[in-house]
Amino acid sequence: NATQRYLYKIPLNGNGKLTKITLGNFEGVN
């Protein structure tokens, strides 16, 4: 959803997957 923003983390070595950090009850722009 391009109207919203969330925090994710990604491994610095480039070998891992994208993981969402922002909790689900914060739907909107973070």
All heavy atoms as atom14 arrays in JSON, in Angstrom:
{
  "sequence": "NATQRYLYKIPLNGNGKLTKITLGNFEGVN",
  "atom14_mask": [
    [1, 1, 1, 1, 1, 1, 1, 1, 0, 0, 0, 0, 0, 0],
    [1, 1, 1, 1, 1, 0, 0, 0, 0, 0, 0, 0, 0, 0],
    [1, 1, 1, 1, 1, 1, 1, 0, 0, 0, 0, 0, 0, 0],
    [1, 1, 1, 1, 1, 1, 1, 1, 1, 0, 0, 0, 0, 0],
    [1, 1, 1, 1, 1, 1, 1, 1, 1, 1, 1, 0, 0, 0],
    [1, 1, 1, 1, 1, 1, 1, 1, 1, 1, 1, 1, 0, 0],
    [1, 1, 1, 1, 1, 1, 1, 1, 0, 0, 0, 0, 0, 0],
    [1, 1, 1, 1, 1, 1, 1, 1, 1, 1, 1, 1, 0, 0],
    [1, 1, 1, 1, 1, 1, 1, 1, 1, 0, 0, 0, 0, 0],
    [1, 1, 1, 1, 1, 1, 1, 1, 0, 0, 0, 0, 0, 0],
    [1, 1, 1, 1, 1, 1, 1, 0, 0, 0, 0, 0, 0, 0],
    [1, 1, 1, 1, 1, 1, 1, 1, 0, 0, 0, 0, 0, 0],
    [1, 1, 1, 1, 1, 1, 1, 1, 0, 0, 0, 0, 0, 0],
    [1, 1, 1, 1, 0, 0, 0, 0, 0, 0, 0, 0, 0, 0],
    [1, 1, 1, 1, 1, 1, 1, 1, 0, 0, 0, 0, 0, 0],
    [1, 1, 1, 1, 0, 0, 0, 0, 0, 0, 0, 0, 0, 0],
    [1, 1, 1, 1, 1, 1, 1, 1, 1, 0, 0, 0, 0, 0],
    [1, 1, 1, 1, 1, 1, 1, 1, 0, 0, 0, 0, 0, 0],
    [1, 1, 1, 1, 1, 1, 1, 0, 0, 0, 0, 0, 0, 0],
    [1, 1, 1, 1, 1, 1, 1, 1, 1, 0, 0, 0, 0, 0],
    [1, 1, 1, 1, 1, 1, 1, 1, 0, 0, 0, 0, 0, 0],
    [1, 1, 1, 1, 1, 1, 1, 0, 0, 0, 0, 0, 0, 0],
    [1, 1, 1, 1, 1, 1, 1, 1, 0, 0, 0, 0, 0, 0],
    [1, 1, 1, 1, 0, 0, 0, 0, 0, 0, 0, 0, 0, 0],
    [1, 1, 1, 1, 1, 1, 1, 1, 0, 0, 0, 0, 0, 0],
    [1, 1, 1, 1, 1, 1, 1, 1, 1, 1, 1, 0, 0, 0],
    [1, 1, 1, 1, 1, 1, 1, 1, 1, 0, 0, 0, 0, 0],
    [1, 1, 1, 1, 0, 0, 0, 0, 0, 0, 0, 0, 0, 0],
    [1, 1, 1, 1, 1, 1, 1, 0, 0, 0, 0, 0, 0, 0],
    [1, 1, 1, 1, 1, 1, 1, 1, 0, 0, 0, 0, 0, 0]
  ],
  "atom14_positions": [
    [[0.85, -1.19, 0.0], [0.0, 0.0, 0.0], [0.88, 1.24, 0.0], [1.5, 1.58, 1.01], [-0.91, 0.0, 1.23], [-1.93, 1.12, 1.22], [-1.76, 2.14, 0.56], [-3.02, 0.95, 1.96], [0.0, 0.0, 0.0], [0.0, 0.0, 0.0], [0.0, 0.0, 0.0], [0.0, 0.0, 0.0], [0.0, 0.0, 0.0], [0.0, 0.0, 0.0]],
    [[0.93, 1.94, -1.12], [1.84, 3.07, -1.26], [1.46, 4.26, -0.4], [2.27, 5.19, -0.25], [1.91, 3.5, -2.73], [0.0, 0.0, 0.0], [0.0, 0.0, 0.0], [0.0, 0.0, 0.0], [0.0, 0.0, 0.0], [0.0, 0.0, 0.0], [0.0, 0.0, 0.0], [0.0, 0.0, 0.0], [0.0, 0.0, 0.0], [0.0, 0.0, 0.0]],
    [[0.26, 4.27, 0.17], [-0.15, 5.4, 1.01], [0.33, 5.25, 2.45], [0.12, 6.16, 3.25], [-1.67, 5.57, 1.0], [-2.28, 4.51, 1.75], [-2.22, 5.58, -0.41], [0.0, 0.0, 0.0], [0.0, 0.0, 0.0], [0.0, 0.0, 0.0], [0.0, 0.0, 0.0], [0.0, 0.0, 0.0], [0.0, 0.0, 0.0], [0.0, 0.0, 0.0]],
    [[0.95, 4.13, 2.78], [1.34, 3.85, 4.16], [2.85, 3.61, 4.24], [3.53, 3.48, 3.23], [0.56, 2.64, 4.69], [-0.95, 2.85, 4.68], [-1.73, 1.63, 5.12], [-1.25, 0.49, 5.06], [-2.97, 1.85, 5.57], [0.0, 0.0, 0.0], [0.0, 0.0, 0.0], [0.0, 0.0, 0.0], [0.0, 0.0, 0.0], [0.0, 0.0, 0.0]],
    [[3.39, 3.56, 5.48], [4.8, 3.28, 5.7], [4.96, 2.44, 6.96], [4.3, 2.7, 7.98], [5.62, 4.58, 5.86], [5.6, 5.51, 4.66], [6.34, 4.93, 3.46], [6.37, 5.9, 2.37], [5.44, 6.02, 1.43], [4.37, 5.24, 1.48], [5.56, 6.92, 0.47], [0.0, 0.0, 0.0], [0.0, 0.0, 0.0], [0.0, 0.0, 0.0]],
    [[5.89, 1.46, 6.89], [6.16, 0.57, 8.02], [7.66, 0.33, 8.14], [8.42, 0.49, 7.17], [5.43, -0.76, 7.83], [3.93, -0.61, 7.74], [3.29, -0.64, 6.51], [3.15, -0.41, 8.88], [1.92, -0.48, 6.4], [1.79, -0.25, 8.79], [1.17, -0.27, 7.56], [-0.19, -0.11, 7.46], [0.0, 0.0, 0.0], [0.0, 0.0, 0.0]],
    [[8.08, -0.08, 9.33], [9.49, -0.4, 9.58], [9.73, -1.88, 9.31], [8.99, -2.74, 9.77], [9.86, -0.06, 11.03], [11.34, -0.23, 11.39], [12.19, 0.81, 10.66], [11.55, -0.13, 12.9], [0.0, 0.0, 0.0], [0.0, 0.0, 0.0], [0.0, 0.0, 0.0], [0.0, 0.0, 0.0], [0.0, 0.0, 0.0], [0.0, 0.0, 0.0]],
    [[10.8, -2.14, 8.56], [11.25, -3.5, 8.27], [12.73, -3.6, 8.62], [13.44, -2.6, 8.74], [11.06, -3.84, 6.79], [9.63, -3.94, 6.32], [8.9, -2.8, 6.0], [9.02, -5.17, 6.18], [7.59, -2.88, 5.55], [7.71, -5.28, 5.73], [7.0, -4.13, 5.42], [5.7, -4.22, 4.99], [0.0, 0.0, 0.0], [0.0, 0.0, 0.0]],
    [[13.2, -4.83, 8.73], [14.64, -5.04, 8.82], [15.06, -6.03, 7.74], [14.29, -6.89, 7.31], [15.06, -5.54, 10.21], [14.64, -6.96, 10.54], [15.25, -7.4, 11.87], [14.85, -8.86, 12.18], [15.47, -9.34, 13.44], [0.0, 0.0, 0.0], [0.0, 0.0, 0.0], [0.0, 0.0, 0.0], [0.0, 0.0, 0.0], [0.0, 0.0, 0.0]],
    [[16.3, -5.89, 7.31], [16.87, -6.75, 6.28], [18.31, -7.02, 6.68], [19.01, -6.13, 7.17], [16.78, -6.07, 4.89], [17.06, -7.06, 3.77], [17.67, -4.87, 4.8], [15.88, -7.92, 3.42], [0.0, 0.0, 0.0], [0.0, 0.0, 0.0], [0.0, 0.0, 0.0], [0.0, 0.0, 0.0], [0.0, 0.0, 0.0], [0.0, 0.0, 0.0]],
    [[18.8, -8.25, 6.53], [20.2, -8.55, 6.91], [21.2, -7.76, 6.08], [21.03, -7.58, 4.86], [20.32, -10.05, 6.64], [18.93, -10.57, 6.72], [18.07, -9.48, 6.16], [0.0, 0.0, 0.0], [0.0, 0.0, 0.0], [0.0, 0.0, 0.0], [0.0, 0.0, 0.0], [0.0, 0.0, 0.0], [0.0, 0.0, 0.0], [0.0, 0.0, 0.0]],
    [[22.25, -7.29, 6.72], [23.28, -6.51, 6.05], [24.12, -7.35, 5.09], [24.79, -6.8, 4.21], [24.19, -5.84, 7.07], [23.8, -4.43, 7.53], [24.7, -3.96, 8.65], [23.83, -3.46, 6.38], [0.0, 0.0, 0.0], [0.0, 0.0, 0.0], [0.0, 0.0, 0.0], [0.0, 0.0, 0.0], [0.0, 0.0, 0.0], [0.0, 0.0, 0.0]],
    [[24.12, -8.68, 5.28], [24.92, -9.5, 4.37], [24.2, -9.79, 3.06], [24.76, -10.39, 2.15], [25.33, -10.81, 5.05], [24.12, -11.66, 5.48], [23.0, -11.45, 5.02], [24.37, -12.6, 6.38], [0.0, 0.0, 0.0], [0.0, 0.0, 0.0], [0.0, 0.0, 0.0], [0.0, 0.0, 0.0], [0.0, 0.0, 0.0], [0.0, 0.0, 0.0]],
    [[22.93, -9.36, 2.96], [22.19, -9.54, 1.73], [21.64, -10.92, 1.5], [21.09, -11.21, 0.43], [0.0, 0.0, 0.0], [0.0, 0.0, 0.0], [0.0, 0.0, 0.0], [0.0, 0.0, 0.0], [0.0, 0.0, 0.0], [0.0, 0.0, 0.0], [0.0, 0.0, 0.0], [0.0, 0.0, 0.0], [0.0, 0.0, 0.0], [0.0, 0.0, 0.0]],
    [[21.71, -11.78, 2.5], [21.31, -13.17, 2.31], [20.01, -13.53, 3.02], [19.64, -14.71, 3.07], [22.42, -14.11, 2.81], [23.7, -13.93, 2.02], [23.66, -13.66, 0.82], [24.84, -14.07, 2.68], [0.0, 0.0, 0.0], [0.0, 0.0, 0.0], [0.0, 0.0, 0.0], [0.0, 0.0, 0.0], [0.0, 0.0, 0.0], [0.0, 0.0, 0.0]],
    [[19.32, -12.57, 3.56], [18.11, -12.89, 4.3], [16.88, -12.24, 3.71], [16.94, -11.55, 2.68], [0.0, 0.0, 0.0], [0.0, 0.0, 0.0], [0.0, 0.0, 0.0], [0.0, 0.0, 0.0], [0.0, 0.0, 0.0], [0.0, 0.0, 0.0], [0.0, 0.0, 0.0], [0.0, 0.0, 0.0], [0.0, 0.0, 0.0], [0.0, 0.0, 0.0]],
    [[15.76, -12.43, 4.38], [14.49, -11.91, 3.88], [14.07, -10.65, 4.63], [14.57, -10.34, 5.71], [13.41, -12.97, 4.0], [13.07, -13.35, 5.43], [11.93, -14.37, 5.47], [11.54, -14.7, 6.91], [10.41, -15.66, 6.97], [0.0, 0.0, 0.0], [0.0, 0.0, 0.0], [0.0, 0.0, 0.0], [0.0, 0.0, 0.0], [0.0, 0.0, 0.0]],
    [[13.12, -9.97, 4.03], [12.55, -8.76, 4.61], [11.61, -9.14, 5.74], [10.73, -10.0, 5.57], [11.8, -7.99, 3.53], [11.32, -6.58, 3.84], [12.5, -5.63, 3.96], [10.38, -6.1, 2.74], [0.0, 0.0, 0.0], [0.0, 0.0, 0.0], [0.0, 0.0, 0.0], [0.0, 0.0, 0.0], [0.0, 0.0, 0.0], [0.0, 0.0, 0.0]],
    [[11.78, -8.54, 6.92], [10.96, -8.84, 8.09], [10.29, -7.58, 8.59], [10.97, -6.58, 8.86], [11.81, -9.45, 9.22], [12.47, -10.62, 8.73], [10.93, -9.82, 10.41], [0.0, 0.0, 0.0], [0.0, 0.0, 0.0], [0.0, 0.0, 0.0], [0.0, 0.0, 0.0], [0.0, 0.0, 0.0], [0.0, 0.0, 0.0], [0.0, 0.0, 0.0]],
    [[8.98, -7.61, 8.73], [8.25, -6.45, 9.21], [8.42, -6.3, 10.71], [8.24, -7.26, 11.46], [6.77, -6.55, 8.83], [5.97, -5.29, 9.1], [4.53, -5.44, 8.61], [3.71, -4.17, 8.82], [2.32, -4.31, 8.33], [0.0, 0.0, 0.0], [0.0, 0.0, 0.0], [0.0, 0.0, 0.0], [0.0, 0.0, 0.0], [0.0, 0.0, 0.0]],
    [[8.71, -5.07, 11.15], [8.91, -4.79, 12.58], [7.71, -4.07, 13.18], [7.31, -4.34, 14.3], [10.19, -3.94, 12.78], [11.41, -4.69, 12.23], [10.38, -3.59, 14.24], [11.71, -5.99, 12.92], [0.0, 0.0, 0.0], [0.0, 0.0, 0.0], [0.0, 0.0, 0.0], [0.0, 0.0, 0.0], [0.0, 0.0, 0.0], [0.0, 0.0, 0.0]],
    [[7.13, -3.12, 12.45], [5.97, -2.37, 12.96], [4.82, -3.33, 13.26], [4.5, -4.21, 12.45], [5.5, -1.33, 11.93], [6.6, -0.5, 11.57], [4.39, -0.46, 12.52], [0.0, 0.0, 0.0], [0.0, 0.0, 0.0], [0.0, 0.0, 0.0], [0.0, 0.0, 0.0], [0.0, 0.0, 0.0], [0.0, 0.0, 0.0], [0.0, 0.0, 0.0]],
    [[4.21, -3.17, 14.42], [3.13, -4.05, 14.83], [1.86, -3.77, 14.04], [1.65, -2.68, 13.52], [2.87, -3.88, 16.33], [4.06, -4.19, 17.26], [3.68, -3.96, 18.71], [4.57, -5.61, 17.05], [0.0, 0.0, 0.0], [0.0, 0.0, 0.0], [0.0, 0.0, 0.0], [0.0, 0.0, 0.0], [0.0, 0.0, 0.0], [0.0, 0.0, 0.0]],
    [[0.99, -4.79, 13.99], [-0.19, -4.73, 13.13], [-1.22, -3.7, 13.52], [-2.06, -3.33, 12.7], [0.0, 0.0, 0.0], [0.0, 0.0, 0.0], [0.0, 0.0, 0.0], [0.0, 0.0, 0.0], [0.0, 0.0, 0.0], [0.0, 0.0, 0.0], [0.0, 0.0, 0.0], [0.0, 0.0, 0.0], [0.0, 0.0, 0.0], [0.0, 0.0, 0.0]],
    [[-1.2, -3.22, 14.76], [-2.2, -2.24, 15.18], [-1.83, -0.82, 14.81], [-2.54, 0.12, 15.16], [-2.44, -2.34, 16.69], [-1.17, -2.16, 17.49], [-0.12, -2.65, 17.1], [-1.27, -1.49, 18.63], [0.0, 0.0, 0.0], [0.0, 0.0, 0.0], [0.0, 0.0, 0.0], [0.0, 0.0, 0.0], [0.0, 0.0, 0.0], [0.0, 0.0, 0.0]],
    [[-0.73, -0.64, 14.08], [-0.31, 0.7, 13.64], [-0.48, 0.8, 12.12], [0.49, 0.96, 11.37], [1.13, 0.98, 14.04], [1.33, 1.11, 15.52], [1.92, 0.08, 16.24], [0.9, 2.23, 16.2], [2.11, 0.19, 17.61], [1.08, 2.35, 17.57], [1.68, 1.33, 18.28], [0.0, 0.0, 0.0], [0.0, 0.0, 0.0], [0.0, 0.0, 0.0]],
    [[-1.72, 0.72, 11.67], [-1.98, 0.78, 10.24], [-2.07, 2.23, 9.79], [-2.98, 2.96, 10.17], [-3.29, 0.05, 9.91], [-3.59, -0.02, 8.42], [-4.8, -0.85, 8.11], [-5.16, -1.74, 8.91], [-5.42, -0.6, 7.05], [0.0, 0.0, 0.0], [0.0, 0.0, 0.0], [0.0, 0.0, 0.0], [0.0, 0.0, 0.0], [0.0, 0.0, 0.0]],
    [[-1.11, 2.65, 9.0], [-1.04, 4.03, 8.56], [0.38, 4.39, 8.21], [1.12, 3.6, 7.61], [0.0, 0.0, 0.0], [0.0, 0.0, 0.0], [0.0, 0.0, 0.0], [0.0, 0.0, 0.0], [0.0, 0.0, 0.0], [0.0, 0.0, 0.0], [0.0, 0.0, 0.0], [0.0, 0.0, 0.0], [0.0, 0.0, 0.0], [0.0, 0.0, 0.0]],
    [[0.82, 5.59, 8.59], [2.17, 6.06, 8.31], [2.98, 6.03, 9.6], [2.62, 6.67, 10.59], [2.15, 7.47, 7.72], [3.57, 8.05, 7.62], [1.5, 7.45, 6.33], [0.0, 0.0, 0.0], [0.0, 0.0, 0.0], [0.0, 0.0, 0.0], [0.0, 0.0, 0.0], [0.0, 0.0, 0.0], [0.0, 0.0, 0.0], [0.0, 0.0, 0.0]],
    [[4.07, 5.28, 9.58], [4.94, 5.13, 10.73], [6.33, 5.64, 10.37], [6.9, 5.24, 9.36], [5.03, 3.66, 11.14], [3.69, 3.09, 11.55], [3.31, 3.14, 12.72], [2.93, 2.55, 10.59], [0.0, 0.0, 0.0], [0.0, 0.0, 0.0], [0.0, 0.0, 0.0], [0.0, 0.0, 0.0], [0.0, 0.0, 0.0], [0.0, 0.0, 0.0]]
  ]
}
